[in-house]
PDB file of N, CA and C in Angstrom:
ATOM      1  N   MET A   1       0.823  -1.194   0.000  1.00  0.00           N
ATOM      2  CA  MET A   1       0.000   0.000   0.000  1.00  0.00           C
ATOM      3  C   MET A   1       0.865   1.255   0.000  1.00  0.00           C
ATOM      4  N   ASP A   2       2.045   1.172   0.575  1.00  0.00           N
ATOM      5  CA  ASP A   2       2.924   2.328   0.608  1.00  0.00           C
ATOM      6  C   ASP A   2       3.579   2.580  -0.739  1.00  0.00           C
ATOM      7  N   ILE A   3       3.993   1.529  -1.402  1.00  0.00           N
ATOM      8  CA  ILE A   3       4.746   1.693  -2.642  1.00  0.00           C
ATOM      9  C   ILE A   3       3.830   2.015  -3.817  1.00  0.00           C
ATOM     10  N   ALA A   4       2.722   1.332  -3.940  1.00  0.00           N
ATOM     11  CA  ALA A   4       1.807   1.527  -5.070  1.00  0.00           C
ATOM     12  C   ALA A   4       0.377   1.559  -4.559  1.00  0.00           C
ATOM     13  N   PRO A   5      -0.070   2.690  -3.998  1.00  0.00           N
ATOM     14  CA  PRO A   5      -1.413   2.721  -3.406  1.00  0.00           C
ATOM     15  C   PRO A   5      -2.531   2.470  -4.419  1.00  0.00           C
ATOM     16  N   LYS A   6      -2.325   2.845  -5.682  1.00  0.00           N
ATOM     17  CA  LYS A   6      -3.362   2.609  -6.691  1.00  0.00           C
ATOM     18  C   LYS A   6      -3.459   1.136  -7.062  1.00  0.00           C
ATOM     19  N   TYR A   7      -2.397   0.370  -6.796  1.00  0.00           N
ATOM     20  CA  TYR A   7      -2.350  -1.028  -7.191  1.00  0.00           C
ATOM     21  C   TYR A   7      -2.161  -1.946  -5.989  1.00  0.00           C
ATOM     22  N   SER A   8      -2.669  -1.558  -4.849  1.00  0.00           N
ATOM     23  CA  SER A   8      -2.454  -2.363  -3.645  1.00  0.00           C
ATOM     24  C   SER A   8      -3.154  -3.720  -3.732  1.00  0.00           C
ATOM     25  N   GLY A   9      -4.266  -3.793  -4.400  1.00  0.00           N
ATOM     26  CA  GLY A   9      -4.948  -5.074  -4.572  1.00  0.00           C
ATOM     27  C   GLY A   9      -4.145  -6.034  -5.428  1.00  0.00           C
ATOM     28  N   THR A  10      -3.560  -5.518  -6.492  1.00  0.00           N
ATOM     29  CA  THR A  10      -2.716  -6.344  -7.351  1.00  0.00           C
ATOM     30  C   THR A  10      -1.476  -6.807  -6.601  1.00  0.00           C
ATOM     31  N   ALA A  11      -0.851  -5.902  -5.858  1.00  0.00           N
ATOM     32  CA  ALA A  11       0.338  -6.263  -5.083  1.00  0.00           C
ATOM     33  C   ALA A  11       0.002  -7.314  -4.034  1.00  0.00           C
ATOM     34  N   SER A  12      -1.135  -7.177  -3.385  1.00  0.00           N
ATOM     35  CA  SER A  12      -1.552  -8.151  -2.385  1.00  0.00           C
ATOM     36  C   SER A  12      -1.804  -9.516  -3.023  1.00  0.00           C
ATOM     37  N   GLY A  13      -2.440  -9.529  -4.179  1.00  0.00           N
ATOM     38  CA  GLY A  13      -2.686 -10.785  -4.882  1.00  0.00           C
ATOM     39  C   GLY A  13      -1.399 -11.459  -5.315  1.00  0.00           C
ATOM     40  N   LEU A  14      -0.422 -10.680  -5.779  1.00  0.00           N
ATOM     41  CA  LEU A  14       0.864 -11.251  -6.171  1.00  0.00           C
ATOM     42  C   LEU A  14       1.599 -11.821  -4.969  1.00  0.00           C
ATOM     43  N   MET A  15       1.538 -11.130  -3.841  1.00  0.00           N
ATOM     44  CA  MET A  15       2.187 -11.639  -2.636  1.00  0.00           C
ATOM     45  C   MET A  15       1.541 -12.936  -2.181  1.00  0.00           C
ATOM     46  N   ASN A  16       0.226 -13.012  -2.190  1.00  0.00           N
ATOM     47  CA  ASN A  16      -0.460 -14.231  -1.781  1.00  0.00           C
ATOM     48  C   ASN A  16      -0.177 -15.385  -2.753  1.00  0.00           C
ATOM     49  N   THR A  17      -0.116 -15.074  -4.046  1.00  0.00           N
ATOM     50  CA  THR A  17       0.213 -16.100  -5.030  1.00  0.00           C
ATOM     51  C   THR A  17       1.629 -16.616  -4.816  1.00  0.00           C
ATOM     52  N   GLY A  18       2.558 -15.709  -4.557  1.00  0.00           N
ATOM     53  CA  GLY A  18       3.942 -16.115  -4.313  1.00  0.00           C
ATOM     54  C   GLY A  18       4.089 -16.979  -3.083  1.00  0.00           C
ATOM     55  N   SER A  19       3.381 -16.627  -2.019  1.00  0.00           N
ATOM     56  CA  SER A  19       3.489 -17.436  -0.801  1.00  0.00           C
ATOM     57  C   SER A  19       2.837 -18.805  -0.983  1.00  0.00           C
ATOM     58  N   ALA A  20       1.744 -18.877  -1.717  1.00  0.00           N
ATOM     59  CA  ALA A  20       1.109 -20.174  -1.981  1.00  0.00           C
ATOM     60  C   ALA A  20       2.002 -21.032  -2.870  1.00  0.00           C
ATOM     61  N   PHE A  21       2.647 -20.414  -3.858  1.00  0.00           N
ATOM     62  CA  PHE A  21       3.563 -21.150  -4.733  1.00  0.00           C
ATOM     63  C   PHE A  21       4.750 -21.691  -3.925  1.00  0.00           C
ATOM     64  N   ALA A  22       5.269 -20.869  -3.017  1.00  0.00           N
ATOM     65  CA  ALA A  22       6.384 -21.313  -2.178  1.00  0.00           C
ATOM     66  C   ALA A  22       5.958 -22.462  -1.261  1.00  0.00           C
ATOM     67  N   ALA A  23       4.737 -22.417  -0.758  1.00  0.00           N
ATOM     68  CA  ALA A  23       4.251 -23.482   0.120  1.00  0.00           C
ATOM     69  C   ALA A  23       4.079 -24.798  -0.642  1.00  0.00           C
ATOM     70  N   ILE A  24       3.821 -24.716  -1.931  1.00  0.00           N
ATOM     71  CA  ILE A  24       3.681 -25.922  -2.741  1.00  0.00           C
ATOM     72  C   ILE A  24       5.049 -26.459  -3.159  1.00  0.00           C
ATOM     73  N   VAL A  25       5.944 -25.573  -3.564  1.00  0.00           N
ATOM     74  CA  VAL A  25       7.219 -25.985  -4.148  1.00  0.00           C
ATOM     75  C   VAL A  25       8.256 -26.356  -3.094  1.00  0.00           C
ATOM     76  N   SER A  26       8.278 -25.683  -1.958  1.00  0.00           N
ATOM     77  CA  SER A  26       9.359 -25.909  -0.987  1.00  0.00           C
ATOM     78  C   SER A  26       9.423 -27.345  -0.452  1.00  0.00           C
ATOM     79  N   PRO A  27       8.314 -28.010  -0.131  1.00  0.00           N
ATOM     80  CA  PRO A  27       8.445 -29.409   0.298  1.00  0.00           C
ATOM     81  C   PRO A  27       8.962 -30.320  -0.816  1.00  0.00           C
ATOM     82  N   LEU A  28       8.589 -30.018  -2.053  1.00  0.00           N
ATOM     83  CA  LEU A  28       9.071 -30.821  -3.177  1.00  0.00           C
ATOM     84  C   LEU A  28      10.578 -30.652  -3.361  1.00  0.00           C
ATOM     85  N   VAL A  29      11.043 -29.409  -3.295  1.00  0.00           N
ATOM     86  CA  VAL A  29      12.473 -29.149  -3.461  1.00  0.00           C
ATOM     87  C   VAL A  29      13.250 -29.742  -2.296  1.00  0.00           C
ATOM     88  N   ALA A  30      12.758 -29.563  -1.080  1.00  0.00           N
ATOM     89  CA  ALA A  30      13.453 -30.112   0.089  1.00  0.00           C
ATOM     90  C   ALA A  30      13.527 -31.635  -0.007  1.00  0.00           C
ATOM     91  N   GLY A  31      12.449 -32.279  -0.391  1.00  0.00           N
ATOM     92  CA  GLY A  31      12.453 -33.734  -0.543  1.00  0.00           C
ATOM     93  C   GLY A  31      13.416 -34.194  -1.619  1.00  0.00           C
ATOM     94  N   PHE A  32      13.462 -33.466  -2.729  1.00  0.00           N
ATOM     95  CA  PHE A  32      14.387 -33.814  -3.800  1.00  0.00           C
ATOM     96  C   PHE A  32      15.838 -33.666  -3.339  1.00  0.00           C
ATOM     97  N   VAL A  33      16.131 -32.570  -2.636  1.00  0.00           N
ATOM     98  CA  VAL A  33      17.501 -32.341  -2.157  1.00  0.00           C
ATOM     99  C   VAL A  33      17.902 -33.418  -1.149  1.00  0.00           C
ATOM    100  N   ILE A  34      16.987 -33.774  -0.258  1.00  0.00           N
ATOM    101  CA  ILE A  34      17.288 -34.813   0.737  1.00  0.00           C
ATOM    102  C   ILE A  34      17.503 -36.163   0.052  1.00  0.00           C
ATOM    103  N   ASP A  35      16.653 -36.496  -0.936  1.00  0.00           N
ATOM    104  CA  ASP A  35      16.829 -37.762  -1.661  1.00  0.00           C
ATOM    105  C   ASP A  35      18.134 -37.786  -2.446  1.00  0.00           C
ATOM    106  N   ALA A  36      18.479 -36.661  -3.052  1.00  0.00           N
ATOM    107  CA  ALA A  36      19.675 -36.620  -3.893  1.00  0.00           C
ATOM    108  C   ALA A  36      20.962 -36.647  -3.080  1.00  0.00           C
ATOM    109  N   THR A  37      20.957 -35.968  -1.919  1.00  0.00           N
ATOM    110  CA  THR A  37      22.199 -35.845  -1.148  1.00  0.00           C
ATOM    111  C   THR A  37      22.216 -36.702   0.103  1.00  0.00           C
ATOM    112  N   GLY A  38      21.043 -37.051   0.625  1.00  0.00           N
ATOM    113  CA  GLY A  38      20.980 -37.770   1.896  1.00  0.00           C
ATOM    114  C   GLY A  38      21.277 -36.879   3.084  1.00  0.00           C
ATOM    115  N   ASN A  39      21.336 -35.584   2.852  1.00  0.00           N
ATOM    116  CA  ASN A  39      21.683 -34.621   3.891  1.00  0.00           C
ATOM    117  C   ASN A  39      20.448 -33.810   4.272  1.00  0.00           C
ATOM    118  N   TRP A  40      20.035 -33.899   5.523  1.00  0.00           N
ATOM    119  CA  TRP A  40      18.875 -33.147   5.992  1.00  0.00           C
ATOM    120  C   TRP A  40      19.242 -31.716   6.350  1.00  0.00           C
ATOM    121  N   TYR A  41      20.504 -31.446   6.502  1.00  0.00           N
ATOM    122  CA  TYR A  41      20.975 -30.124   6.903  1.00  0.00           C
ATOM    123  C   TYR A  41      20.900 -29.123   5.751  1.00  0.00           C
ATOM    124  N   LEU A  42      21.089 -29.583   4.530  1.00  0.00           N
ATOM    125  CA  LEU A  42      21.135 -28.721   3.356  1.00  0.00           C
ATOM    126  C   LEU A  42      19.830 -27.956   3.100  1.00  0.00           C
ATOM    127  N   PRO A  43      18.636 -28.562   3.186  1.00  0.00           N
ATOM    128  CA  PRO A  43      17.411 -27.776   2.985  1.00  0.00           C
ATOM    129  C   PRO A  43      17.247 -26.653   4.016  1.00  0.00           C
ATOM    130  N   PHE A  44      17.712 -26.895   5.251  1.00  0.00           N
ATOM    131  CA  PHE A  44      17.619 -25.841   6.255  1.00  0.00           C
ATOM    132  C   PHE A  44      18.573 -24.693   5.932  1.00  0.00           C
ATOM    133  N   LEU A  45      19.756 -25.018   5.416  1.00  0.00           N
ATOM    134  CA  LEU A  45      20.686 -23.967   4.992  1.00  0.00           C
ATOM    135  C   LEU A  45      20.115 -23.170   3.819  1.00  0.00           C
ATOM    136  N   MET A  46      19.456 -23.863   2.890  1.00  0.00           N
ATOM    137  CA  MET A  46      18.830 -23.173   1.766  1.00  0.00           C
ATOM    138  C   MET A  46      17.723 -22.242   2.249  1.00  0.00           C
ATOM    139  N   SER A  47      16.929 -22.690   3.211  1.00  0.00           N
ATOM    140  CA  SER A  47      15.860 -21.853   3.762  1.00  0.00           C
ATOM    141  C   SER A  47      16.428 -20.626   4.458  1.00  0.00           C
ATOM    142  N   MET A  48      17.499 -20.821   5.223  1.00  0.00           N
ATOM    143  CA  MET A  48      18.118 -19.673   5.895  1.00  0.00           C
ATOM    144  C   MET A  48      18.688 -18.689   4.887  1.00  0.00           C
ATOM    145  N   GLY A  49      19.247 -19.193   3.794  1.00  0.00           N
ATOM    146  CA  GLY A  49      19.759 -18.311   2.748  1.00  0.00           C
ATOM    147  C   GLY A  49      18.658 -17.488   2.100  1.00  0.00           C
ATOM    148  N   LEU A  50      17.519 -18.127   1.837  1.00  0.00           N
ATOM    149  CA  LEU A  50      16.390 -17.388   1.255  1.00  0.00           C
ATOM    150  C   LEU A  50      15.840 -16.353   2.228  1.00  0.00           C
ATOM    151  N   LEU A  51      15.801 -16.689   3.512  1.00  0.00           N
ATOM    152  CA  LEU A  51      15.340 -15.721   4.511  1.00  0.00           C
ATOM    153  C   LEU A  51      16.280 -14.520   4.598  1.00  0.00           C
ATOM    154  N   LEU A  52      17.582 -14.774   4.548  1.00  0.00           N
ATOM    155  CA  LEU A  52      18.551 -13.673   4.561  1.00  0.00           C
ATOM    156  C   LEU A  52      18.429 -12.817   3.300  1.00  0.00           C
ATOM    157  N   LEU A  53      18.211 -13.454   2.162  1.00  0.00           N
ATOM    158  CA  LEU A  53      18.018 -12.704   0.922  1.00  0.00           C
ATOM    159  C   LEU A  53      16.777 -11.817   1.001  1.00  0.00           C
ATOM    160  N   GLY A  54      15.692 -12.352   1.568  1.00  0.00           N
ATOM    161  CA  GLY A  54      14.477 -11.555   1.732  1.00  0.00           C
ATOM    162  C   GLY A  54      14.669 -10.395   2.688  1.00  0.00           C
ATOM    163  N   GLY A  55      15.405 -10.633   3.774  1.00  0.00           N
ATOM    164  CA  GLY A  55      15.686  -9.552   4.717  1.00  0.00           C
ATOM    165  C   GLY A  55      16.534  -8.464   4.092  1.00  0.00           C
ATOM    166  N   PHE A  56      17.530  -8.852   3.293  1.00  0.00           N
ATOM    167  CA  PHE A  56      18.357  -7.872   2.600  1.00  0.00           C
ATOM    168  C   PHE A  56      17.545  -7.109   1.560  1.00  0.00           C
ATOM    169  N   SER A  57      16.653  -7.807   0.856  1.00  0.00           N
ATOM    170  CA  SER A  57      15.824  -7.169  -0.175  1.00  0.00           C
ATOM    171  C   SER A  57      14.887  -6.121   0.413  1.00  0.00           C
ATOM    172  N   ALA A  58      14.492  -6.292   1.661  1.00  0.00           N
ATOM    173  CA  ALA A  58      13.602  -5.314   2.300  1.00  0.00           C
ATOM    174  C   ALA A  58      14.274  -3.949   2.405  1.00  0.00           C
ATOM    175  N   PHE A  59      15.598  -3.939   2.528  1.00  0.00           N
ATOM    176  CA  PHE A  59      16.304  -2.663   2.604  1.00  0.00           C
ATOM    177  C   PHE A  59      16.391  -1.966   1.246  1.00  0.00           C
ATOM    178  N   LEU A  60      16.128  -2.683   0.166  1.00  0.00           N
ATOM    179  CA  LEU A  60      16.162  -2.086  -1.162  1.00  0.00           C
ATOM    180  C   LEU A  60      14.843  -1.424  -1.542  1.00  0.00           C
ATOM    181  N   MET A  61      13.804  -1.636  -0.749  1.00  0.00           N
ATOM    182  CA  MET A  61      12.496  -1.038  -1.026  1.00  0.00           C
ATOM    183  C   MET A  61      12.474   0.386  -0.500  1.00  0.00           C
ATOM    184  N   HIS A  62      11.844   1.276  -1.259  1.00  0.00           N
ATOM    185  CA  HIS A  62      11.755   2.676  -0.870  1.00  0.00           C
ATOM    186  C   HIS A  62      10.297   3.135  -0.913  1.00  0.00           C
ATOM    187  N   PRO A  63       9.574   2.994   0.197  1.00  0.00           N
ATOM    188  CA  PRO A  63       8.166   3.397   0.185  1.00  0.00           C
ATOM    189  C   PRO A  63       7.980   4.907   0.066  1.00  0.00           C
ATOM    190  N   GLU A  64       9.042   5.691   0.299  1.00  0.00           N
ATOM    191  CA  GLU A  64       8.895   7.135   0.172  1.00  0.00           C
ATOM    192  C   GLU A  64       8.849   7.574  -1.296  1.00  0.00           C
ATOM    193  N   ARG A  65       9.267   6.703  -2.202  1.00  0.00           N
ATOM    194  CA  ARG A  65       9.201   7.002  -3.630  1.00  0.00           C
ATOM    195  C   ARG A  65       7.897   6.456  -4.195  1.00  0.00           C
ATOM    196  N   PRO A  66       7.037   7.310  -4.734  1.00  0.00           N
ATOM    197  CA  PRO A  66       5.775   6.799  -5.282  1.00  0.00           C
ATOM    198  C   PRO A  66       6.012   6.029  -6.573  1.00  0.00           C
ATOM    199  N   PHE A  67       5.133   5.092  -6.837  1.00  0.00           N
ATOM    200  CA  PHE A  67       5.181   4.294  -8.055  1.00  0.00           C
ATOM    201  C   PHE A  67       4.749   5.165  -9.220  1.00  0.00           C
ATOM    202  N   THR A  68       5.539   5.211 -10.285  1.00  0.00           N
ATOM    203  CA  THR A  68       5.166   5.984 -11.463  1.00  0.00           C
ATOM    204  C   THR A  68       4.901   5.026 -12.606  1.00  0.00           C
ATOM    205  N   GLU A  69       3.897   5.339 -13.379  1.00  0.00           N
ATOM    206  CA  GLU A  69       3.551   4.490 -14.507  1.00  0.00           C
ATOM    207  C   GLU A  69       4.518   4.743 -15.653  1.00  0.00           C
ATOM    208  N   ALA A  70       4.698   3.735 -16.484  1.00  0.00           N
ATOM    209  CA  ALA A  70       5.579   3.871 -17.641  1.00  0.00           C
ATOM    210  C   ALA A  70       4.982   4.879 -18.612  1.00  0.00           C
ATOM    211  N   GLU A  71       5.839   5.724 -19.151  1.00  0.00           N
ATOM    212  CA  GLU A  71       5.358   6.718 -20.095  1.00  0.00           C
ATOM    213  C   GLU A  71       4.981   6.062 -21.416  1.00  0.00           C
ATOM    214  N   GLY A  72       3.984   6.599 -22.064  1.00  0.00           N
ATOM    215  CA  GLY A  72       3.563   6.076 -23.343  1.00  0.00           C
ATOM    216  C   GLY A  72       2.498   4.997 -23.252  1.00  0.00           C
ATOM    217  N   ARG A  73       2.169   4.556 -22.052  1.00  0.00           N
ATOM    218  CA  ARG A  73       1.129   3.548 -21.898  1.00  0.00           C
ATOM    219  C   ARG A  73      -0.228   4.223 -21.905  1.00  0.00           C
ATOM    220  N   LEU A  74      -1.192   3.549 -22.471  1.00  0.00           N
ATOM    221  CA  LEU A  74      -2.552   4.064 -22.479  1.00  0.00           C
ATOM    222  C   LEU A  74      -3.249   3.660 -21.193  1.00  0.00           C
ATOM    223  N   PRO A  75      -4.128   4.514 -20.688  1.00  0.00           N
ATOM    224  CA  PRO A  75      -4.887   4.125 -19.495  1.00  0.00           C
ATOM    225  C   PRO A  75      -5.771   2.915 -19.784  1.00  0.00           C
ATOM    226  N   VAL A  76      -6.010   2.122 -18.774  1.00  0.00           N
ATOM    227  CA  VAL A  76      -6.842   0.925 -18.915  1.00  0.00           C
ATOM    228  C   VAL A  76      -8.269   1.360 -19.214  1.00  0.00           C
ATOM    229  N   GLY A  77      -8.908   0.645 -20.133  1.00  0.00           N
ATOM    230  CA  GLY A  77     -10.305   0.934 -20.464  1.00  0.00           C
ATOM    231  C   GLY A  77     -10.474   1.920 -21.584  1.00  0.00           C
ATOM    232  N   ARG A  78      -9.413   2.389 -22.164  1.00  0.00           N
ATOM    233  CA  ARG A  78      -9.512   3.354 -23.238  1.00  0.00           C
ATOM    234  C   ARG A  78      -9.411   2.627 -24.583  1.00  0.00           C
ATOM    235  N   VAL A  79     -10.356   2.868 -25.464  1.00  0.00           N
ATOM    236  CA  VAL A  79     -10.399   2.209 -26.756  1.00  0.00           C
ATOM    237  C   VAL A  79      -9.712   3.103 -27.790  1.00  0.00           C
ATOM    238  N   VAL A  80      -8.804   2.503 -28.551  1.00  0.00           N
ATOM    239  CA  VAL A  80      -8.090   3.251 -29.586  1.00  0.00           C
ATOM    240  C   VAL A  80      -8.318   2.553 -30.904  1.00  0.00           C
ATOM    241  N   ALA A  81      -8.695   3.333 -31.927  1.00  0.00           N
ATOM    242  CA  ALA A  81      -8.946   2.759 -33.249  1.00  0.00           C
ATOM    243  C   ALA A  81      -7.620   2.428 -33.918  1.00  0.00           C
ATOM    244  N   ALA A  82      -7.623   1.346 -34.695  1.00  0.00           N
ATOM    245  CA  ALA A  82      -6.421   0.960 -35.439  1.00  0.00           C
ATOM    246  C   ALA A  82      -6.199   1.934 -36.579  1.00  0.00           C
ATOM    247  N   GLU A  83      -4.959   2.173 -36.891  1.00  0.00           N
ATOM    248  CA  GLU A  83      -4.638   3.120 -37.985  1.00  0.00           C
ATOM    249  C   GLU A  83      -4.484   2.427 -39.291  1.00  0.00           C
TER     250      GLU A  83
END
């Protein structure tokens, strides 16, 4: 809501989709890694690495900068005749 207030619903939907995708894929990847290596420690290290990456990525976000739309794009819902 801070970064893109006009698109907060879309951002929320993308976040929920990403978390659901991670909940589906992570047990599959962890099981594959454990079967391939026989090491139960490796999936936990991978999870910690992803958590650290997410924590670092949070510092790259700037909510004080408003989201600007790309120039040259037409507003949604506007009909343009073909030339």
